[in-house]
N, C-alpha and C. Protein backbone atom coordinates (compact mmCIF):
# COMPACT_ATOMS: atom_id res chain seq x y z
N MET A 1 0.85 -1.18 0.00
CA MET A 1 0.00 0.00 0.00
C MET A 1 0.89 1.24 0.00
N HIS A 2 0.57 2.18 -0.86
CA HIS A 2 1.29 3.45 -0.90
C HIS A 2 0.74 4.38 0.19
N LEU A 3 1.54 5.37 0.55
CA LEU A 3 1.16 6.30 1.59
C LEU A 3 -0.17 6.99 1.27
N LYS A 4 -0.37 7.37 0.01
CA LYS A 4 -1.61 8.02 -0.41
C LYS A 4 -2.81 7.10 -0.16
N GLU A 5 -2.64 5.82 -0.47
CA GLU A 5 -3.72 4.84 -0.25
C GLU A 5 -3.99 4.67 1.24
N PHE A 6 -2.93 4.65 2.04
CA PHE A 6 -3.10 4.52 3.48
C PHE A 6 -3.85 5.73 4.04
N GLN A 7 -3.48 6.93 3.59
CA GLN A 7 -4.13 8.14 4.07
C GLN A 7 -5.62 8.10 3.71
N ARG A 8 -5.95 7.67 2.51
CA ARG A 8 -7.36 7.56 2.10
C ARG A 8 -8.11 6.53 2.95
N LEU A 9 -7.44 5.40 3.25
CA LEU A 9 -8.06 4.37 4.08
C LEU A 9 -8.37 4.92 5.47
N ILE A 10 -7.41 5.62 6.08
CA ILE A 10 -7.63 6.20 7.40
C ILE A 10 -8.74 7.25 7.34
N GLU A 11 -8.80 8.02 6.26
CA GLU A 11 -9.91 8.97 6.09
C GLU A 11 -11.25 8.24 6.06
N ASP A 12 -11.31 7.15 5.29
CA ASP A 12 -12.56 6.39 5.19
C ASP A 12 -12.99 5.87 6.56
N ILE A 13 -12.05 5.45 7.35
CA ILE A 13 -12.37 4.86 8.66
C ILE A 13 -12.68 5.93 9.71
N TYR A 14 -11.86 6.99 9.78
CA TYR A 14 -11.91 7.89 10.94
C TYR A 14 -12.16 9.37 10.66
N TYR A 15 -12.15 9.80 9.40
CA TYR A 15 -12.14 11.25 9.13
C TYR A 15 -13.29 12.01 9.80
N GLU A 16 -14.51 11.52 9.67
CA GLU A 16 -15.65 12.26 10.23
C GLU A 16 -15.47 12.51 11.72
N LYS A 17 -15.12 11.47 12.45
CA LYS A 17 -14.95 11.59 13.90
C LYS A 17 -13.77 12.48 14.24
N ASP A 18 -12.64 12.28 13.57
CA ASP A 18 -11.44 13.06 13.87
C ASP A 18 -11.60 14.52 13.47
N ASN A 19 -12.23 14.77 12.33
CA ASN A 19 -12.44 16.14 11.89
C ASN A 19 -13.39 16.88 12.85
N ALA A 20 -14.41 16.18 13.33
CA ALA A 20 -15.34 16.79 14.29
C ALA A 20 -14.61 17.14 15.60
N ARG A 21 -13.65 16.31 15.99
CA ARG A 21 -12.86 16.57 17.20
C ARG A 21 -11.97 17.79 16.99
N GLY A 22 -11.55 18.00 15.75
CA GLY A 22 -10.71 19.14 15.42
C GLY A 22 -9.22 18.81 15.46
N LEU A 23 -8.46 19.72 14.91
CA LEU A 23 -7.01 19.53 14.80
C LEU A 23 -6.36 19.45 16.18
N ALA A 24 -6.72 20.36 17.07
CA ALA A 24 -6.08 20.38 18.41
C ALA A 24 -6.40 19.11 19.20
N GLY A 25 -7.66 18.70 19.20
CA GLY A 25 -8.04 17.49 19.93
C GLY A 25 -7.43 16.24 19.35
N THR A 26 -7.39 16.17 18.03
CA THR A 26 -6.80 15.02 17.37
C THR A 26 -5.29 14.99 17.59
N HIS A 27 -4.67 16.16 17.63
CA HIS A 27 -3.23 16.23 17.92
C HIS A 27 -2.92 15.66 19.30
N MET A 28 -3.81 15.89 20.26
CA MET A 28 -3.61 15.34 21.61
C MET A 28 -3.59 13.80 21.56
N TRP A 29 -4.48 13.21 20.77
CA TRP A 29 -4.50 11.75 20.62
C TRP A 29 -3.21 11.27 19.94
N PHE A 30 -2.77 12.01 18.94
CA PHE A 30 -1.51 11.68 18.26
C PHE A 30 -0.36 11.66 19.27
N CYS A 31 -0.30 12.69 20.10
CA CYS A 31 0.77 12.76 21.11
C CYS A 31 0.71 11.59 22.07
N GLU A 32 -0.48 11.18 22.45
CA GLU A 32 -0.63 10.02 23.33
C GLU A 32 -0.07 8.76 22.66
N GLU A 33 -0.36 8.61 21.37
CA GLU A 33 0.17 7.44 20.64
C GLU A 33 1.69 7.49 20.53
N VAL A 34 2.25 8.67 20.32
CA VAL A 34 3.71 8.79 20.28
C VAL A 34 4.28 8.39 21.65
N GLY A 35 3.60 8.77 22.72
CA GLY A 35 4.02 8.37 24.06
C GLY A 35 4.00 6.86 24.23
N GLU A 36 2.97 6.20 23.71
CA GLU A 36 2.91 4.74 23.79
C GLU A 36 4.04 4.10 23.00
N LEU A 37 4.36 4.66 21.85
CA LEU A 37 5.50 4.16 21.06
C LEU A 37 6.79 4.36 21.83
N THR A 38 6.95 5.51 22.45
CA THR A 38 8.14 5.80 23.23
C THR A 38 8.31 4.79 24.36
N ARG A 39 7.23 4.49 25.07
CA ARG A 39 7.31 3.50 26.16
C ARG A 39 7.71 2.13 25.63
N ALA A 40 7.11 1.72 24.52
CA ALA A 40 7.45 0.41 23.95
C ALA A 40 8.92 0.36 23.53
N LEU A 41 9.42 1.45 22.95
CA LEU A 41 10.84 1.50 22.56
C LEU A 41 11.74 1.45 23.79
N ARG A 42 11.39 2.24 24.79
CA ARG A 42 12.21 2.32 26.00
C ARG A 42 12.26 0.99 26.74
N ARG A 43 11.15 0.29 26.75
CA ARG A 43 11.05 -0.98 27.48
C ARG A 43 11.49 -2.17 26.64
N GLY A 44 11.83 -1.92 25.38
CA GLY A 44 12.25 -3.00 24.50
C GLY A 44 11.14 -3.99 24.20
N GLN A 45 9.90 -3.50 24.14
CA GLN A 45 8.75 -4.36 23.90
C GLN A 45 8.56 -4.59 22.40
N GLN A 46 9.42 -5.42 21.87
CA GLN A 46 9.46 -5.67 20.43
C GLN A 46 8.11 -6.14 19.90
N ASP A 47 7.39 -6.94 20.67
CA ASP A 47 6.10 -7.46 20.21
C ASP A 47 5.05 -6.36 20.06
N GLU A 48 5.21 -5.22 20.72
CA GLU A 48 4.24 -4.13 20.64
C GLU A 48 4.64 -3.05 19.62
N LEU A 49 5.88 -3.05 19.18
CA LEU A 49 6.36 -1.96 18.33
C LEU A 49 5.62 -1.83 17.01
N GLU A 50 5.35 -2.93 16.36
CA GLU A 50 4.69 -2.87 15.06
C GLU A 50 3.34 -2.16 15.17
N GLY A 51 2.55 -2.52 16.14
CA GLY A 51 1.26 -1.89 16.34
C GLY A 51 1.37 -0.42 16.71
N GLU A 52 2.35 -0.09 17.55
CA GLU A 52 2.52 1.30 17.96
C GLU A 52 2.98 2.18 16.80
N PHE A 53 3.90 1.66 15.98
CA PHE A 53 4.31 2.42 14.79
C PHE A 53 3.11 2.64 13.86
N ALA A 54 2.28 1.61 13.67
CA ALA A 54 1.10 1.73 12.81
C ALA A 54 0.13 2.76 13.38
N ASP A 55 -0.06 2.75 14.70
CA ASP A 55 -0.96 3.73 15.32
C ASP A 55 -0.47 5.16 15.12
N VAL A 56 0.83 5.37 15.31
CA VAL A 56 1.39 6.71 15.13
C VAL A 56 1.21 7.16 13.68
N LEU A 57 1.45 6.27 12.73
CA LEU A 57 1.27 6.61 11.32
C LEU A 57 -0.20 6.95 11.02
N ALA A 58 -1.12 6.19 11.60
CA ALA A 58 -2.54 6.45 11.37
C ALA A 58 -2.95 7.81 11.93
N TRP A 59 -2.51 8.13 13.13
CA TRP A 59 -2.86 9.43 13.72
C TRP A 59 -2.19 10.57 12.98
N LEU A 60 -0.96 10.39 12.53
CA LEU A 60 -0.28 11.41 11.72
C LEU A 60 -1.05 11.62 10.42
N SER A 61 -1.49 10.54 9.83
CA SER A 61 -2.24 10.61 8.58
C SER A 61 -3.54 11.37 8.76
N THR A 62 -4.27 11.10 9.83
CA THR A 62 -5.54 11.80 10.04
C THR A 62 -5.31 13.27 10.34
N LEU A 63 -4.23 13.61 11.05
CA LEU A 63 -3.89 15.01 11.27
C LEU A 63 -3.63 15.72 9.94
N ALA A 64 -2.88 15.07 9.08
CA ALA A 64 -2.60 15.64 7.76
C ALA A 64 -3.89 15.85 6.98
N SER A 65 -4.78 14.88 7.02
CA SER A 65 -6.04 15.01 6.29
C SER A 65 -6.87 16.18 6.81
N ILE A 66 -6.96 16.32 8.12
CA ILE A 66 -7.71 17.43 8.70
C ILE A 66 -7.10 18.76 8.27
N ALA A 67 -5.77 18.80 8.18
CA ALA A 67 -5.07 20.03 7.79
C ALA A 67 -5.04 20.24 6.27
N GLY A 68 -5.56 19.27 5.51
CA GLY A 68 -5.59 19.41 4.06
C GLY A 68 -4.26 19.10 3.38
N ILE A 69 -3.46 18.26 4.01
CA ILE A 69 -2.13 17.91 3.48
C ILE A 69 -2.14 16.49 2.94
N ASP A 70 -1.65 16.32 1.74
CA ASP A 70 -1.43 15.00 1.15
C ASP A 70 -0.04 14.56 1.60
N LEU A 71 0.01 13.57 2.50
CA LEU A 71 1.30 13.15 3.08
C LEU A 71 2.29 12.66 2.03
N GLU A 72 1.82 11.88 1.07
CA GLU A 72 2.74 11.36 0.05
C GLU A 72 3.34 12.50 -0.76
N GLN A 73 2.51 13.45 -1.15
CA GLN A 73 2.99 14.60 -1.91
C GLN A 73 3.97 15.43 -1.07
N ALA A 74 3.65 15.66 0.20
CA ALA A 74 4.53 16.44 1.07
C ALA A 74 5.87 15.74 1.27
N ALA A 75 5.83 14.42 1.46
CA ALA A 75 7.07 13.66 1.66
C ALA A 75 7.93 13.69 0.40
N ASN A 76 7.30 13.52 -0.77
CA ASN A 76 8.05 13.57 -2.02
C ASN A 76 8.64 14.95 -2.27
N LYS A 77 7.87 15.98 -1.96
CA LYS A 77 8.36 17.35 -2.16
C LYS A 77 9.57 17.64 -1.29
N LYS A 78 9.54 17.19 -0.04
CA LYS A 78 10.63 17.51 0.89
C LYS A 78 11.81 16.55 0.76
N TYR A 79 11.54 15.25 0.58
CA TYR A 79 12.61 14.24 0.63
C TYR A 79 12.81 13.48 -0.67
N GLY A 80 12.08 13.83 -1.72
CA GLY A 80 12.15 13.09 -2.97
C GLY A 80 13.51 13.09 -3.65
N ARG A 81 14.34 14.09 -3.34
CA ARG A 81 15.68 14.15 -3.94
C ARG A 81 16.76 13.83 -2.92
N GLY A 82 16.37 13.24 -1.79
CA GLY A 82 17.34 12.92 -0.75
C GLY A 82 17.23 13.91 0.39
N CYS A 83 18.33 14.13 1.06
CA CYS A 83 18.37 15.08 2.17
C CYS A 83 17.91 16.45 1.68
N PRO A 84 16.97 17.09 2.39
CA PRO A 84 16.49 18.40 1.94
C PRO A 84 17.59 19.47 1.89
N ARG A 85 18.65 19.29 2.64
CA ARG A 85 19.72 20.29 2.68
C ARG A 85 20.79 20.04 1.62
N CYS A 86 21.34 18.83 1.61
CA CYS A 86 22.45 18.53 0.69
C CYS A 86 22.00 17.72 -0.54
N GLU A 87 20.77 17.24 -0.55
CA GLU A 87 20.20 16.44 -1.62
C GLU A 87 20.94 15.13 -1.87
N ALA A 88 21.74 14.69 -0.92
CA ALA A 88 22.45 13.43 -1.07
C ALA A 88 21.71 12.31 -0.34
N THR A 89 21.93 11.10 -0.84
CA THR A 89 21.42 9.87 -0.20
C THR A 89 22.54 8.86 -0.21
N PRO A 90 23.10 8.53 0.97
CA PRO A 90 22.75 9.06 2.28
C PRO A 90 23.22 10.50 2.45
N CYS A 91 22.67 11.15 3.45
CA CYS A 91 23.00 12.55 3.75
C CYS A 91 24.50 12.71 3.99
N THR A 92 25.04 13.78 3.43
CA THR A 92 26.46 14.08 3.63
C THR A 92 26.66 15.38 4.42
N CYS A 93 25.57 15.89 4.99
CA CYS A 93 25.69 17.11 5.81
C CYS A 93 26.59 16.83 7.01
N GLY A 94 27.36 17.80 7.36
CA GLY A 94 28.30 17.63 8.47
C GLY A 94 27.80 18.03 9.76
């Protein structure tokens, strides 16, 4: 699945509810999910990491949708040529 397809899927599942909550309220949920990912990383809970990474991506995606941002387009625009500063892959910035 491409990022654009994932963002559309998350919109289909959650957009109405998340948009009604608003950007600020939805951002709070995103932050909570990042906290859960942080705890799993810190505790070395390998079995939980996959789900936590997916949750963070889903909440990031819904935030982008509420803000009117196409994540795939934004990622390609910023990182499509490599490092945004030096344009190298891997980055050669010092």
